[in-house]
N, C-alpha and C. Protein backbone atom coordinates (compact mmCIF):
# COMPACT_ATOMS: atom_id res chain seq x y z
N MET A 1 12.54 97.02 178.49
CA MET A 1 12.24 98.08 179.44
C MET A 1 11.22 97.61 180.49
N MET A 2 10.22 96.89 180.07
CA MET A 2 9.21 96.39 181.01
C MET A 2 9.85 95.51 182.07
N GLU A 3 10.84 94.72 181.67
CA GLU A 3 11.46 93.80 182.60
C GLU A 3 12.11 94.55 183.77
N THR A 4 12.79 95.66 183.45
CA THR A 4 13.44 96.43 184.50
C THR A 4 12.42 97.01 185.47
N ASP A 5 11.33 97.56 184.92
CA ASP A 5 10.28 98.12 185.77
C ASP A 5 9.75 97.05 186.71
N ASN A 6 9.54 95.86 186.19
CA ASN A 6 9.00 94.75 186.97
C ASN A 6 9.97 94.35 188.08
N SER A 7 11.25 94.29 187.76
CA SER A 7 12.21 93.87 188.78
C SER A 7 12.35 94.94 189.86
N THR A 8 12.21 96.21 189.49
CA THR A 8 12.24 97.28 190.49
C THR A 8 11.06 97.12 191.44
N GLN A 9 9.90 96.86 190.88
CA GLN A 9 8.70 96.65 191.68
C GLN A 9 8.90 95.48 192.63
N LYS A 10 9.58 94.46 192.19
CA LYS A 10 9.74 93.26 193.01
C LYS A 10 10.84 93.41 194.06
N ASN A 11 11.43 94.59 194.15
CA ASN A 11 12.40 94.81 195.23
C ASN A 11 11.72 95.36 196.47
N LYS A 12 10.39 95.35 196.45
CA LYS A 12 9.62 95.78 197.62
C LYS A 12 8.57 94.73 197.89
N ILE A 13 8.26 94.54 199.15
CA ILE A 13 7.14 93.67 199.50
C ILE A 13 5.90 94.53 199.64
N SER A 14 6.09 95.71 200.24
CA SER A 14 4.94 96.54 200.54
C SER A 14 5.29 98.02 200.47
N ILE A 15 4.24 98.83 200.58
CA ILE A 15 4.39 100.28 200.66
C ILE A 15 3.64 100.73 201.91
N GLY A 16 4.26 101.57 202.71
CA GLY A 16 3.63 102.06 203.93
C GLY A 16 3.21 103.51 203.81
N LEU A 17 2.19 103.87 204.55
CA LEU A 17 1.69 105.24 204.60
C LEU A 17 1.10 105.49 205.98
N ILE A 18 1.37 106.67 206.53
CA ILE A 18 0.84 107.00 207.85
C ILE A 18 -0.28 108.02 207.67
N ILE A 19 -1.41 107.76 208.33
CA ILE A 19 -2.51 108.71 208.34
C ILE A 19 -2.85 109.04 209.80
N ASN A 20 -3.59 110.12 210.02
CA ASN A 20 -3.99 110.43 211.39
C ASN A 20 -5.44 110.01 211.63
N ASP A 21 -5.91 110.17 212.85
CA ASP A 21 -7.25 109.71 213.20
C ASP A 21 -8.32 110.45 212.41
N ASN A 22 -8.08 111.72 212.10
CA ASN A 22 -9.04 112.49 211.32
C ASN A 22 -9.20 111.90 209.91
N GLU A 23 -8.07 111.55 209.32
CA GLU A 23 -8.09 110.95 207.97
C GLU A 23 -8.85 109.63 207.99
N LEU A 24 -8.62 108.83 209.01
CA LEU A 24 -9.32 107.55 209.12
C LEU A 24 -10.82 107.77 209.29
N ASN A 25 -11.19 108.71 210.15
CA ASN A 25 -12.60 108.93 210.46
C ASN A 25 -13.39 109.61 209.35
N THR A 26 -12.72 110.44 208.56
CA THR A 26 -13.46 111.17 207.51
C THR A 26 -13.37 110.50 206.15
N ASN A 27 -12.48 109.54 205.99
CA ASN A 27 -12.31 108.90 204.69
C ASN A 27 -13.39 107.85 204.47
N PRO A 28 -14.19 107.97 203.40
CA PRO A 28 -15.29 107.02 203.17
C PRO A 28 -14.83 105.61 202.82
N ILE A 29 -13.54 105.44 202.54
CA ILE A 29 -13.06 104.09 202.20
C ILE A 29 -13.10 103.16 203.42
N PHE A 30 -13.04 103.74 204.63
CA PHE A 30 -13.10 102.92 205.85
C PHE A 30 -14.55 102.76 206.29
N PRO A 31 -15.08 101.54 206.28
CA PRO A 31 -16.47 101.32 206.69
C PRO A 31 -16.70 101.69 208.16
N PRO A 32 -17.92 102.16 208.49
CA PRO A 32 -18.23 102.56 209.88
C PRO A 32 -17.92 101.46 210.91
N GLU A 33 -18.19 100.20 210.57
CA GLU A 33 -17.92 99.09 211.51
C GLU A 33 -16.44 99.03 211.88
N ILE A 34 -15.60 99.27 210.90
CA ILE A 34 -14.15 99.24 211.13
C ILE A 34 -13.75 100.40 212.04
N LYS A 35 -14.30 101.57 211.75
CA LYS A 35 -13.98 102.76 212.56
C LYS A 35 -14.39 102.55 214.02
N GLU A 36 -15.49 101.84 214.22
CA GLU A 36 -15.95 101.58 215.59
C GLU A 36 -15.08 100.54 216.30
N GLU A 37 -14.59 99.57 215.54
CA GLU A 37 -13.85 98.45 216.14
C GLU A 37 -12.38 98.75 216.37
N ILE A 38 -11.80 99.54 215.48
CA ILE A 38 -10.35 99.74 215.55
C ILE A 38 -9.98 100.59 216.77
N LEU A 39 -8.87 100.25 217.35
CA LEU A 39 -8.37 100.94 218.53
C LEU A 39 -8.21 102.43 218.24
N ASP A 40 -8.70 103.25 219.13
CA ASP A 40 -8.59 104.70 218.98
C ASP A 40 -7.13 105.09 219.13
N SER A 41 -6.61 105.79 218.13
CA SER A 41 -5.20 106.12 218.13
C SER A 41 -4.98 107.42 217.37
N PRO A 42 -3.91 108.17 217.69
CA PRO A 42 -3.69 109.41 216.95
C PRO A 42 -3.22 109.17 215.51
N TYR A 43 -2.55 108.03 215.27
CA TYR A 43 -2.02 107.71 213.93
C TYR A 43 -2.29 106.26 213.58
N TYR A 44 -2.24 106.00 212.27
CA TYR A 44 -2.42 104.63 211.78
C TYR A 44 -1.41 104.39 210.67
N LEU A 45 -0.72 103.27 210.76
CA LEU A 45 0.19 102.84 209.70
C LEU A 45 -0.62 101.96 208.76
N LEU A 46 -0.72 102.37 207.50
CA LEU A 46 -1.35 101.54 206.48
C LEU A 46 -0.24 100.86 205.70
N ILE A 47 -0.37 99.57 205.50
CA ILE A 47 0.61 98.83 204.71
C ILE A 47 -0.13 98.21 203.53
N PHE A 48 0.33 98.55 202.34
CA PHE A 48 -0.26 98.05 201.11
C PHE A 48 0.65 96.98 200.52
N ILE A 49 0.12 95.78 200.36
CA ILE A 49 0.88 94.70 199.75
C ILE A 49 0.16 94.34 198.45
N SER A 50 0.82 94.60 197.32
CA SER A 50 0.15 94.36 196.04
C SER A 50 0.76 93.18 195.31
N ARG A 51 -0.09 92.39 194.77
CA ARG A 51 0.29 91.28 193.89
C ARG A 51 -0.45 91.51 192.59
N GLU A 52 -0.24 90.66 191.62
CA GLU A 52 -0.82 90.89 190.30
C GLU A 52 -2.33 91.09 190.34
N ASP A 53 -3.03 90.35 191.19
CA ASP A 53 -4.48 90.39 191.11
C ASP A 53 -5.17 90.92 192.37
N VAL A 54 -4.40 91.38 193.35
CA VAL A 54 -5.03 91.83 194.60
C VAL A 54 -4.12 92.80 195.35
N VAL A 55 -4.73 93.73 196.09
CA VAL A 55 -3.97 94.59 197.00
C VAL A 55 -4.52 94.35 198.40
N LYS A 56 -3.65 93.95 199.31
CA LYS A 56 -4.04 93.74 200.70
C LYS A 56 -3.63 94.98 201.48
N ILE A 57 -4.55 95.50 202.30
CA ILE A 57 -4.25 96.68 203.11
C ILE A 57 -4.37 96.31 204.58
N SER A 58 -3.30 96.53 205.32
CA SER A 58 -3.33 96.30 206.76
C SER A 58 -3.25 97.65 207.45
N CYS A 59 -3.92 97.77 208.59
CA CYS A 59 -3.97 99.04 209.32
C CYS A 59 -3.54 98.80 210.77
N PHE A 60 -2.51 99.54 211.20
CA PHE A 60 -1.96 99.37 212.54
C PHE A 60 -2.08 100.67 213.33
N PRO A 61 -2.90 100.70 214.39
CA PRO A 61 -2.97 101.89 215.24
C PRO A 61 -1.61 102.12 215.90
N THR A 62 -1.19 103.37 215.98
CA THR A 62 0.08 103.68 216.62
C THR A 62 0.02 105.06 217.26
N LYS A 63 0.73 105.24 218.35
CA LYS A 63 0.77 106.54 219.02
C LYS A 63 1.82 107.44 218.38
N ASN A 64 2.57 106.89 217.45
CA ASN A 64 3.71 107.59 216.90
C ASN A 64 3.63 107.66 215.38
N LYS A 65 3.96 108.81 214.79
CA LYS A 65 3.95 108.89 213.33
C LYS A 65 5.34 108.73 212.74
N ASN A 66 6.33 108.56 213.61
CA ASN A 66 7.70 108.36 213.13
C ASN A 66 7.96 106.86 212.99
N ILE A 67 7.77 106.36 211.79
CA ILE A 67 7.91 104.92 211.57
C ILE A 67 8.95 104.68 210.48
N LYS A 68 9.82 103.72 210.73
CA LYS A 68 10.86 103.36 209.77
C LYS A 68 10.52 102.01 209.16
N LYS A 69 10.90 101.86 207.91
CA LYS A 69 10.75 100.56 207.23
C LYS A 69 12.16 100.05 206.95
N ILE A 70 12.43 98.83 207.37
CA ILE A 70 13.73 98.21 207.09
C ILE A 70 13.49 97.09 206.08
N LEU A 71 14.15 97.18 204.95
CA LEU A 71 14.04 96.17 203.90
C LEU A 71 15.39 95.48 203.76
N VAL A 72 15.40 94.18 204.02
CA VAL A 72 16.64 93.40 203.98
C VAL A 72 16.56 92.43 202.81
N LYS A 73 17.51 92.55 201.90
CA LYS A 73 17.58 91.62 200.76
C LYS A 73 18.44 90.44 201.18
N LEU A 74 17.95 89.24 200.91
CA LEU A 74 18.60 88.02 201.37
C LEU A 74 18.99 87.11 200.22
N LYS A 75 20.01 86.28 200.44
CA LYS A 75 20.36 85.26 199.45
C LYS A 75 19.31 84.17 199.46
N GLU A 76 18.83 83.82 200.67
CA GLU A 76 17.82 82.78 200.81
C GLU A 76 17.27 82.83 202.23
N PHE A 77 16.08 82.25 202.40
CA PHE A 77 15.53 82.14 203.75
C PHE A 77 16.01 80.84 204.36
N SER A 78 16.35 80.88 205.62
CA SER A 78 16.73 79.66 206.33
C SER A 78 16.44 79.89 207.81
N PRO A 79 16.31 78.82 208.58
CA PRO A 79 16.08 78.99 210.02
C PRO A 79 17.19 79.82 210.69
N ASP A 80 18.43 79.62 210.25
CA ASP A 80 19.55 80.38 210.83
C ASP A 80 19.42 81.87 210.54
N LEU A 81 19.00 82.18 209.33
CA LEU A 81 18.86 83.57 208.93
C LEU A 81 17.75 84.25 209.74
N VAL A 82 16.63 83.57 209.90
CA VAL A 82 15.52 84.11 210.69
C VAL A 82 15.98 84.33 212.13
N LYS A 83 16.75 83.38 212.66
CA LYS A 83 17.28 83.50 214.02
C LYS A 83 18.26 84.69 214.10
N GLY A 84 19.08 84.85 213.08
CA GLY A 84 20.05 85.96 213.04
C GLY A 84 19.35 87.31 213.04
N ILE A 85 18.28 87.44 212.25
CA ILE A 85 17.52 88.69 212.20
C ILE A 85 16.86 88.95 213.54
N SER A 86 16.29 87.92 214.12
CA SER A 86 15.65 88.03 215.42
C SER A 86 16.65 88.47 216.49
N ASN A 87 17.85 87.90 216.44
CA ASN A 87 18.91 88.27 217.39
C ASN A 87 19.29 89.75 217.26
N VAL A 88 19.37 90.23 216.01
CA VAL A 88 19.71 91.64 215.77
C VAL A 88 18.65 92.54 216.39
N LEU A 89 17.39 92.21 216.14
CA LEU A 89 16.29 93.02 216.70
C LEU A 89 16.31 93.02 218.22
N ASN A 90 16.64 91.89 218.82
CA ASN A 90 16.74 91.80 220.28
C ASN A 90 17.94 92.58 220.82
N GLU A 91 19.10 92.41 220.17
CA GLU A 91 20.32 93.10 220.61
C GLU A 91 20.15 94.62 220.57
N LEU A 92 19.44 95.11 219.56
CA LEU A 92 19.24 96.55 219.40
C LEU A 92 18.02 97.06 220.18
N ASN A 93 17.38 96.16 220.92
CA ASN A 93 16.16 96.50 221.67
C ASN A 93 15.05 97.03 220.77
N LEU A 94 14.95 96.48 219.58
CA LEU A 94 13.91 96.93 218.64
C LEU A 94 12.70 96.01 218.61
N SER A 95 12.78 94.86 219.25
CA SER A 95 11.69 93.88 219.21
C SER A 95 10.35 94.47 219.63
N LYS A 96 10.37 95.30 220.67
CA LYS A 96 9.12 95.88 221.19
C LYS A 96 8.59 96.99 220.30
N GLU A 97 9.44 97.49 219.39
CA GLU A 97 9.07 98.62 218.53
C GLU A 97 8.41 98.17 217.23
N ILE A 98 8.38 96.87 216.97
CA ILE A 98 7.90 96.36 215.68
C ILE A 98 6.38 96.42 215.58
N LEU A 99 5.90 96.97 214.47
CA LEU A 99 4.47 97.01 214.20
C LEU A 99 4.06 95.88 213.24
N HIS A 100 4.95 95.57 212.29
CA HIS A 100 4.62 94.56 211.27
C HIS A 100 5.92 94.02 210.71
N THR A 101 5.91 92.74 210.40
CA THR A 101 7.08 92.14 209.77
C THR A 101 6.63 91.04 208.82
N THR A 102 7.38 90.88 207.74
CA THR A 102 7.03 89.85 206.76
C THR A 102 8.27 89.47 205.96
N GLY A 103 8.22 88.33 205.32
CA GLY A 103 9.30 87.88 204.46
C GLY A 103 8.72 87.24 203.22
N LEU A 104 9.47 87.29 202.13
CA LEU A 104 8.94 86.79 200.86
C LEU A 104 10.07 86.47 199.90
N CYS A 105 9.91 85.41 199.14
CA CYS A 105 10.85 85.10 198.06
C CYS A 105 10.08 85.14 196.74
N TYR A 106 10.57 85.94 195.80
CA TYR A 106 9.96 85.99 194.47
C TYR A 106 10.51 84.85 193.62
N GLU A 107 11.79 84.64 193.74
CA GLU A 107 12.47 83.52 193.10
C GLU A 107 13.49 83.05 194.12
N MET A 108 14.20 81.99 193.82
CA MET A 108 15.16 81.48 194.80
C MET A 108 16.16 82.53 195.27
N GLU A 109 16.62 83.39 194.34
CA GLU A 109 17.64 84.37 194.72
C GLU A 109 17.07 85.73 195.10
N LYS A 110 15.77 85.89 195.02
CA LYS A 110 15.18 87.20 195.32
C LYS A 110 14.30 87.11 196.55
N CYS A 111 14.94 87.11 197.71
CA CYS A 111 14.22 87.00 198.97
C CYS A 111 14.38 88.30 199.76
N PHE A 112 13.31 88.66 200.46
CA PHE A 112 13.31 89.89 201.24
C PHE A 112 12.68 89.66 202.60
N TYR A 113 13.20 90.38 203.58
CA TYR A 113 12.60 90.45 204.90
C TYR A 113 12.32 91.93 205.11
N GLU A 114 11.15 92.22 205.63
CA GLU A 114 10.78 93.61 205.79
C GLU A 114 10.12 93.80 207.15
N THR A 115 10.46 94.90 207.80
CA THR A 115 9.82 95.20 209.09
C THR A 115 9.54 96.69 209.19
N TYR A 116 8.42 97.01 209.79
CA TYR A 116 8.06 98.40 210.09
C TYR A 116 8.19 98.56 211.59
N LEU A 117 8.92 99.60 212.00
CA LEU A 117 9.08 99.80 213.43
C LEU A 117 9.05 101.27 213.80
N ILE A 118 8.74 101.53 215.05
CA ILE A 118 8.68 102.89 215.55
C ILE A 118 10.11 103.42 215.65
N GLY A 119 10.33 104.63 215.15
CA GLY A 119 11.69 105.17 215.03
C GLY A 119 12.19 106.00 216.19
N ASP A 120 11.58 105.86 217.37
CA ASP A 120 11.97 106.67 218.52
C ASP A 120 13.43 106.53 218.91
N MET A 121 13.94 105.29 218.91
CA MET A 121 15.32 105.07 219.35
C MET A 121 16.32 105.74 218.42
N VAL A 122 15.98 105.77 217.13
CA VAL A 122 16.86 106.43 216.16
C VAL A 122 16.80 107.94 216.39
N ASP A 123 15.59 108.46 216.56
CA ASP A 123 15.44 109.90 216.75
C ASP A 123 16.05 110.39 218.06
N SER A 124 16.04 109.54 219.08
CA SER A 124 16.60 109.94 220.37
C SER A 124 18.13 109.90 220.34
N GLY A 125 18.69 109.28 219.31
CA GLY A 125 20.15 109.20 219.21
C GLY A 125 20.72 107.94 219.84
N LYS A 126 19.86 107.10 220.44
CA LYS A 126 20.35 105.86 221.04
C LYS A 126 20.87 104.89 219.98
N LEU A 127 20.29 105.00 218.80
CA LEU A 127 20.69 104.14 217.67
C LEU A 127 20.84 105.00 216.44
N THR A 128 21.77 104.64 215.56
CA THR A 128 21.85 105.33 214.27
C THR A 128 21.44 104.34 213.18
N LEU A 129 21.05 104.88 212.04
CA LEU A 129 20.68 104.02 210.91
C LEU A 129 21.87 103.16 210.50
N ASP A 130 23.07 103.74 210.59
CA ASP A 130 24.28 102.98 210.24
C ASP A 130 24.49 101.80 211.19
N MET A 131 24.21 101.99 212.48
CA MET A 131 24.35 100.90 213.44
C MET A 131 23.38 99.77 213.10
N ILE A 132 22.16 100.15 212.75
CA ILE A 132 21.15 99.14 212.40
C ILE A 132 21.58 98.38 211.15
N LYS A 133 22.00 99.13 210.12
CA LYS A 133 22.44 98.49 208.86
C LYS A 133 23.60 97.54 209.11
N GLU A 134 24.58 98.03 209.87
CA GLU A 134 25.78 97.23 210.17
C GLU A 134 25.43 95.91 210.85
N LYS A 135 24.54 95.97 211.83
CA LYS A 135 24.13 94.75 212.55
C LYS A 135 23.44 93.76 211.61
N PHE A 136 22.51 94.26 210.77
CA PHE A 136 21.83 93.36 209.83
C PHE A 136 22.80 92.79 208.80
N MET A 137 23.75 93.62 208.34
CA MET A 137 24.72 93.17 207.33
C MET A 137 25.65 92.09 207.90
N SER A 138 25.78 92.02 209.22
CA SER A 138 26.66 91.02 209.83
C SER A 138 26.01 89.63 209.87
N VAL A 139 24.70 89.57 209.56
CA VAL A 139 24.00 88.28 209.54
C VAL A 139 24.34 87.57 208.22
N ALA A 140 24.70 86.29 208.30
CA ALA A 140 25.05 85.52 207.09
C ALA A 140 23.89 85.53 206.10
N ASN A 141 24.21 85.65 204.82
CA ASN A 141 23.25 85.63 203.71
C ASN A 141 22.43 86.91 203.54
N VAL A 142 22.78 87.97 204.27
CA VAL A 142 22.14 89.27 204.03
C VAL A 142 22.93 89.98 202.94
N ILE A 143 22.24 90.42 201.88
CA ILE A 143 22.90 91.08 200.75
C ILE A 143 22.92 92.59 200.93
N SER A 144 21.76 93.16 201.29
CA SER A 144 21.70 94.62 201.46
C SER A 144 20.61 94.98 202.46
N VAL A 145 20.72 96.21 202.99
CA VAL A 145 19.74 96.71 203.96
C VAL A 145 19.39 98.14 203.56
N ILE A 146 18.10 98.40 203.42
CA ILE A 146 17.62 99.75 203.10
C ILE A 146 16.68 100.17 204.23
N ILE A 147 16.92 101.36 204.77
CA ILE A 147 16.03 101.88 205.81
C ILE A 147 15.38 103.15 205.27
N GLU A 148 14.05 103.18 205.31
CA GLU A 148 13.31 104.33 204.77
C GLU A 148 12.39 104.90 205.84
N GLU A 149 12.14 106.20 205.73
CA GLU A 149 11.09 106.85 206.53
C GLU A 149 9.78 106.48 205.85
N VAL A 150 8.76 106.15 206.63
CA VAL A 150 7.45 105.88 206.05
C VAL A 150 6.76 107.22 205.85
N PRO A 151 6.31 107.51 204.61
CA PRO A 151 5.67 108.80 204.35
C PRO A 151 4.35 108.95 205.09
N SER A 152 3.97 110.21 205.28
CA SER A 152 2.77 110.50 206.05
C SER A 152 1.88 111.47 205.28
N LEU A 153 0.57 111.32 205.42
CA LEU A 153 -0.37 112.26 204.81
C LEU A 153 -0.57 113.50 205.68
N ILE A 154 0.03 113.50 206.87
CA ILE A 154 -0.22 114.56 207.83
C ILE A 154 0.68 115.76 207.56
């Protein structure tokens, strides 16, 4: 049973959460120096990346609380695959919408590419989730594509 739980956990690189400026400013976990330095914004995307012995938290100021996470499961990482993913993002005009992107292999066959992007184009109807999935699935060595709404505390 433990093994299944572990493999489920390893199907994600990170967990995202959106907070607003009030949450950032009133939460004691954020040191005053950080609050002074970080760009003033109505929303912040927090990305939590956990490993066995550490949790890394990244914070991205954003004007938008509608953020999508795209998780792409891969057979393997290769220069061609990275180029293919980059081409998809360019073709769909999503390159400018990206807040964070990362890739990781847990084992040779368990590789993931993950990106967080602003979901305006999907909400406006210019793009559908199916169109995005279809484009990513057309890249060689892509096994699956999951698109999720990033939850918000607001």
